[in-house]
Amino acid sequence: MLYAVEDPGARDPVLSLSLKGLAFDKGPVLGPVELNLAAGETLALVGPSGIGKTTLLRIMAGLETEFEGRLDAPERCSVVFQEPTLLSWRTLADNLRVTTGVSREAAIDALNEVGLAGRWQDFPGQLSLGQQRRLSLARAFAAKPDLLLMDEPFVSLDPELVEEMMVLFEILRRTHRVATVLVTHVMSEAERLADRIVTLGGHPARILETRQKSGAYFQLSASGVTSPGS
């Protein structure tokens, strides 16, 4: 079985996935995948479009259950989807209160934290796309999750807004210290935000390589033998 080399210092993973495979009607989508995520770690999943990154994230979120293998994940999990998926008929504060159960005061604090101060009585339709993405982040962090899953959270934004959102995420992560899996097709985002980058490839998709941000590099050979890079 192919597997990824984990940080030897990591203990008691927040998330542990031992996937044997996943197939849909058209055939296999994911092959064997072994992943652990440590507390406070940010892991980026990268690879070509359509390779199965979002499907793997859905497995981690418990949204895709028809797979072979084992998943150990915390109950308190927040997901940030590619689209904001907001409650358009509810105020910004209610978008947080209804979905997370926080008080109005806590919701307002969360909105202030993402740069939406004074907007708690507005509705999502009054926000720009960038502001809607801020609301999605506020909702995700307001739930105080043990695990945060983010699927292309900066897609469709112009470069200036992407920079703003990455800075915001860095601030929120530093404040809340939540273990995070980030799906992205933009390597510069992965390089900047992740402690560890995992590349998916092949058919069915599997882990091709894992790279630590510190510079430690590991590549998985076709035979499944793992060796450290120079």
Protein backbone atom coordinates (compact mmCIF):
# COMPACT_ATOMS: atom_id res chain seq x y z
CA MET A 1 0.00 0.00 0.00
CA LEU A 2 1.20 3.50 -0.74
CA TYR A 3 1.52 5.76 2.24
CA ALA A 4 2.66 9.24 3.16
CA VAL A 5 5.53 9.86 5.54
CA GLU A 6 4.32 11.87 8.50
CA ASP A 7 6.23 14.25 10.71
CA PRO A 8 7.85 11.96 13.28
CA GLY A 9 7.12 14.59 15.93
CA ALA A 10 3.39 14.44 15.31
CA ARG A 11 1.38 12.69 18.03
CA ASP A 12 -2.31 11.99 18.63
CA PRO A 13 -3.59 13.06 15.19
CA VAL A 14 -6.76 15.11 14.99
CA LEU A 15 -7.70 13.25 11.82
CA SER A 16 -6.63 9.81 10.65
CA LEU A 17 -7.68 8.38 7.29
CA SER A 18 -6.85 4.91 6.02
CA LEU A 19 -8.54 4.72 2.63
CA LYS A 20 -8.43 1.53 0.59
CA GLY A 21 -10.32 3.03 -2.31
CA LEU A 22 -13.45 4.70 -3.65
CA ALA A 23 -15.27 3.96 -6.88
CA PHE A 24 -18.33 5.47 -8.54
CA ASP A 25 -20.40 4.06 -11.41
CA LYS A 26 -17.82 5.13 -13.98
CA GLY A 27 -15.02 3.38 -12.16
CA PRO A 28 -12.38 3.90 -9.44
CA VAL A 29 -11.76 7.49 -8.32
CA LEU A 30 -9.42 7.15 -5.36
CA GLY A 31 -6.88 4.47 -4.62
CA PRO A 32 -5.12 3.75 -1.30
CA VAL A 33 -4.52 6.91 0.74
CA GLU A 34 -3.08 7.14 4.25
CA LEU A 35 -3.23 10.53 5.97
CA ASN A 36 -2.81 11.85 9.51
CA LEU A 37 -3.30 15.47 10.55
CA ALA A 38 -1.75 16.85 13.72
CA ALA A 39 -3.30 19.45 16.01
CA GLY A 40 -2.67 22.95 14.68
CA GLU A 41 -1.24 21.67 11.39
CA THR A 42 -2.30 22.95 7.97
CA LEU A 43 -2.12 20.36 5.20
CA ALA A 44 -2.63 21.31 1.55
CA LEU A 45 -4.02 18.83 -0.98
CA VAL A 46 -2.87 19.69 -4.50
CA GLY A 47 -3.10 18.04 -7.89
CA PRO A 48 -4.74 18.41 -11.31
CA SER A 49 -8.38 19.49 -11.58
CA GLY A 50 -10.72 16.52 -11.37
CA ILE A 51 -8.14 14.25 -9.75
CA GLY A 52 -10.28 13.67 -6.64
CA LYS A 53 -9.16 16.33 -4.15
CA THR A 54 -12.71 17.47 -3.36
CA THR A 55 -13.91 13.88 -3.13
CA LEU A 56 -11.18 13.14 -0.60
CA LEU A 57 -12.16 16.23 1.38
CA ARG A 58 -15.80 15.09 1.37
CA ILE A 59 -14.70 11.78 2.85
CA MET A 60 -12.87 13.62 5.64
CA ALA A 61 -15.99 15.74 6.26
CA GLY A 62 -18.21 12.65 6.50
CA LEU A 63 -20.20 13.73 3.46
CA GLU A 64 -19.04 10.79 1.34
CA THR A 65 -19.49 7.48 3.13
CA GLU A 66 -19.40 4.88 0.35
CA PHE A 67 -15.68 4.16 0.61
CA GLU A 68 -13.51 1.30 1.72
CA GLY A 69 -11.36 2.10 4.71
CA ARG A 70 -11.40 3.83 8.08
CA LEU A 71 -11.84 7.45 9.08
CA ASP A 72 -11.24 8.84 12.56
CA ALA A 73 -12.26 12.50 12.68
CA PRO A 74 -13.52 14.86 15.38
CA GLU A 75 -17.22 15.67 15.70
CA ARG A 76 -16.58 19.41 15.63
CA CYS A 77 -15.73 19.98 11.98
CA SER A 78 -16.26 23.08 9.83
CA VAL A 79 -16.26 23.05 6.03
CA VAL A 80 -15.65 26.05 3.76
CA PHE A 81 -16.91 25.18 0.28
CA GLN A 82 -15.93 26.67 -3.07
CA GLU A 83 -19.21 28.60 -3.06
CA PRO A 84 -20.15 30.48 0.12
CA THR A 85 -23.40 28.44 0.61
CA LEU A 86 -25.00 31.14 2.73
CA LEU A 87 -28.57 31.54 4.01
CA SER A 88 -29.68 34.37 1.74
CA TRP A 89 -32.90 35.02 3.68
CA ARG A 90 -31.08 35.44 7.00
CA THR A 91 -29.00 38.32 8.35
CA LEU A 92 -25.24 37.93 8.62
CA ALA A 93 -25.52 37.38 12.35
CA ASP A 94 -28.21 34.74 11.85
CA ASN A 95 -26.06 32.97 9.26
CA LEU A 96 -23.69 32.28 12.15
CA ARG A 97 -26.28 31.78 14.89
CA VAL A 98 -28.50 29.32 13.00
CA THR A 99 -25.64 27.16 11.74
CA THR A 100 -23.36 27.17 14.80
CA GLY A 101 -25.66 27.92 17.74
CA VAL A 102 -23.55 30.83 19.00
CA SER A 103 -25.09 33.82 20.74
CA ARG A 104 -25.78 37.09 18.92
CA GLU A 105 -22.88 38.69 20.76
CA ALA A 106 -20.52 35.89 19.71
CA ALA A 107 -21.76 36.14 16.12
CA ILE A 108 -21.12 39.89 16.08
CA ASP A 109 -17.62 39.32 17.51
CA ALA A 110 -16.95 36.75 14.77
CA LEU A 111 -18.10 39.18 12.09
CA ASN A 112 -15.87 41.89 13.53
CA GLU A 113 -12.97 39.47 13.40
CA VAL A 114 -13.28 39.04 9.62
CA GLY A 115 -13.76 42.73 8.80
CA LEU A 116 -17.57 42.82 8.70
CA ALA A 117 -18.04 45.08 11.71
CA GLY A 118 -21.39 46.88 11.76
CA ARG A 119 -22.87 44.61 9.07
CA TRP A 120 -24.57 42.04 11.32
CA GLN A 121 -28.10 43.11 10.33
CA ASP A 122 -27.33 43.05 6.58
CA PHE A 123 -28.15 40.12 4.30
CA PRO A 124 -25.70 38.07 2.20
CA GLY A 125 -27.06 39.58 -1.02
CA GLN A 126 -25.78 42.98 0.10
CA LEU A 127 -22.20 41.66 0.21
CA SER A 128 -19.60 41.39 -2.53
CA LEU A 129 -18.19 37.94 -3.32
CA GLY A 130 -15.11 38.69 -1.25
CA GLN A 131 -17.26 39.74 1.71
CA GLN A 132 -19.34 36.59 1.33
CA ARG A 133 -16.14 34.57 1.56
CA ARG A 134 -15.30 36.47 4.75
CA LEU A 135 -18.71 35.52 6.12
CA SER A 136 -18.02 31.87 5.29
CA LEU A 137 -14.76 32.04 7.24
CA ALA A 138 -16.49 33.74 10.15
CA ARG A 139 -19.09 30.97 10.25
CA ALA A 140 -16.43 28.25 10.06
CA PHE A 141 -14.34 29.64 12.91
CA ALA A 142 -17.35 30.66 15.04
CA ALA A 143 -18.17 26.96 15.43
CA LYS A 144 -14.81 26.52 17.23
CA PRO A 145 -14.03 23.37 15.26
CA ASP A 146 -11.31 20.85 15.99
CA LEU A 147 -10.98 20.33 12.23
CA LEU A 148 -11.37 22.86 9.40
CA LEU A 149 -11.77 21.65 5.81
CA MET A 150 -11.44 24.24 3.02
CA ASP A 151 -12.23 23.48 -0.63
CA GLU A 152 -10.69 26.08 -2.98
CA PRO A 153 -11.75 28.91 -0.63
CA PHE A 154 -10.15 31.68 -2.75
CA VAL A 155 -11.36 30.57 -6.18
CA SER A 156 -12.88 33.22 -8.52
CA LEU A 157 -11.33 36.13 -6.60
CA ASP A 158 -8.95 38.62 -8.18
CA PRO A 159 -5.32 38.55 -6.99
CA GLU A 160 -5.74 41.48 -4.60
CA LEU A 161 -8.70 39.83 -2.89
CA VAL A 162 -6.89 36.48 -2.75
CA GLU A 163 -4.06 38.21 -0.91
CA GLU A 164 -6.52 39.79 1.53
CA MET A 165 -8.21 36.45 2.18
CA MET A 166 -4.93 34.63 2.73
CA VAL A 167 -3.84 37.28 5.24
CA LEU A 168 -7.21 36.95 7.00
CA PHE A 169 -6.92 33.17 7.13
CA GLU A 170 -3.40 33.43 8.54
CA ILE A 171 -4.66 35.74 11.31
CA LEU A 172 -7.62 33.48 12.13
CA ARG A 173 -5.46 30.37 12.14
CA ARG A 174 -2.94 32.01 14.43
CA THR A 175 -5.74 33.03 16.79
CA HIS A 176 -7.70 29.77 16.81
CA ARG A 177 -4.99 27.15 16.09
CA VAL A 178 -7.30 24.73 14.32
CA ALA A 179 -6.06 21.75 12.32
CA THR A 180 -6.81 22.48 8.65
CA VAL A 181 -6.95 20.67 5.32
CA LEU A 182 -6.81 23.05 2.35
CA VAL A 183 -7.69 21.90 -1.16
CA THR A 184 -6.18 24.12 -3.83
CA HIS A 185 -4.89 23.93 -7.39
CA VAL A 186 -2.68 26.99 -6.84
CA MET A 187 0.76 25.90 -5.65
CA SER A 188 1.66 29.37 -4.37
CA GLU A 189 -1.30 29.19 -1.95
CA ALA A 190 -0.17 25.78 -0.73
CA GLU A 191 3.42 26.94 -0.35
CA ARG A 192 2.40 29.96 1.66
CA LEU A 193 -0.31 28.52 3.91
CA ALA A 194 0.52 24.86 4.49
CA ASP A 195 2.91 23.11 6.84
CA ARG A 196 2.74 20.04 4.61
CA ILE A 197 1.83 19.66 0.94
CA VAL A 198 0.34 16.39 -0.33
CA THR A 199 0.12 15.87 -4.09
CA LEU A 200 -2.51 13.58 -5.59
CA GLY A 201 -2.13 11.98 -8.99
CA GLY A 202 -2.72 8.87 -11.07
CA HIS A 203 -5.84 6.92 -11.94
CA PRO A 204 -7.25 6.10 -9.48
CA ALA A 205 -5.77 9.00 -7.53
CA ARG A 206 -3.24 8.30 -4.79
CA ILE A 207 -0.58 10.24 -2.93
CA LEU A 208 2.41 10.81 -5.19
CA GLU A 209 4.49 12.92 -2.83
CA THR A 210 4.50 14.69 0.51
CA ARG A 211 6.61 17.74 1.23
CA GLN A 212 7.18 19.44 4.57
CA LYS A 213 7.33 23.23 4.61
CA SER A 214 10.57 23.01 6.58
CA GLY A 215 12.23 21.59 3.48
CA ALA A 216 12.08 17.89 4.28
CA TYR A 217 10.92 16.16 1.13
CA PHE A 218 9.58 12.64 0.62
CA GLN A 219 8.61 10.99 -2.67
CA LEU A 220 6.59 7.82 -3.06
CA SER A 221 7.96 5.47 -5.67
CA ALA A 222 5.81 3.37 -7.94
CA SER A 223 6.63 0.34 -5.80
CA GLY A 224 5.39 2.04 -2.66
CA VAL A 225 8.89 2.41 -1.15
CA THR A 226 9.35 5.76 0.53
CA SER A 227 12.68 7.52 0.57
CA PRO A 228 13.84 10.93 1.82
CA GLY A 229 14.90 13.44 -0.78
CA SER A 230 18.23 15.17 -0.70
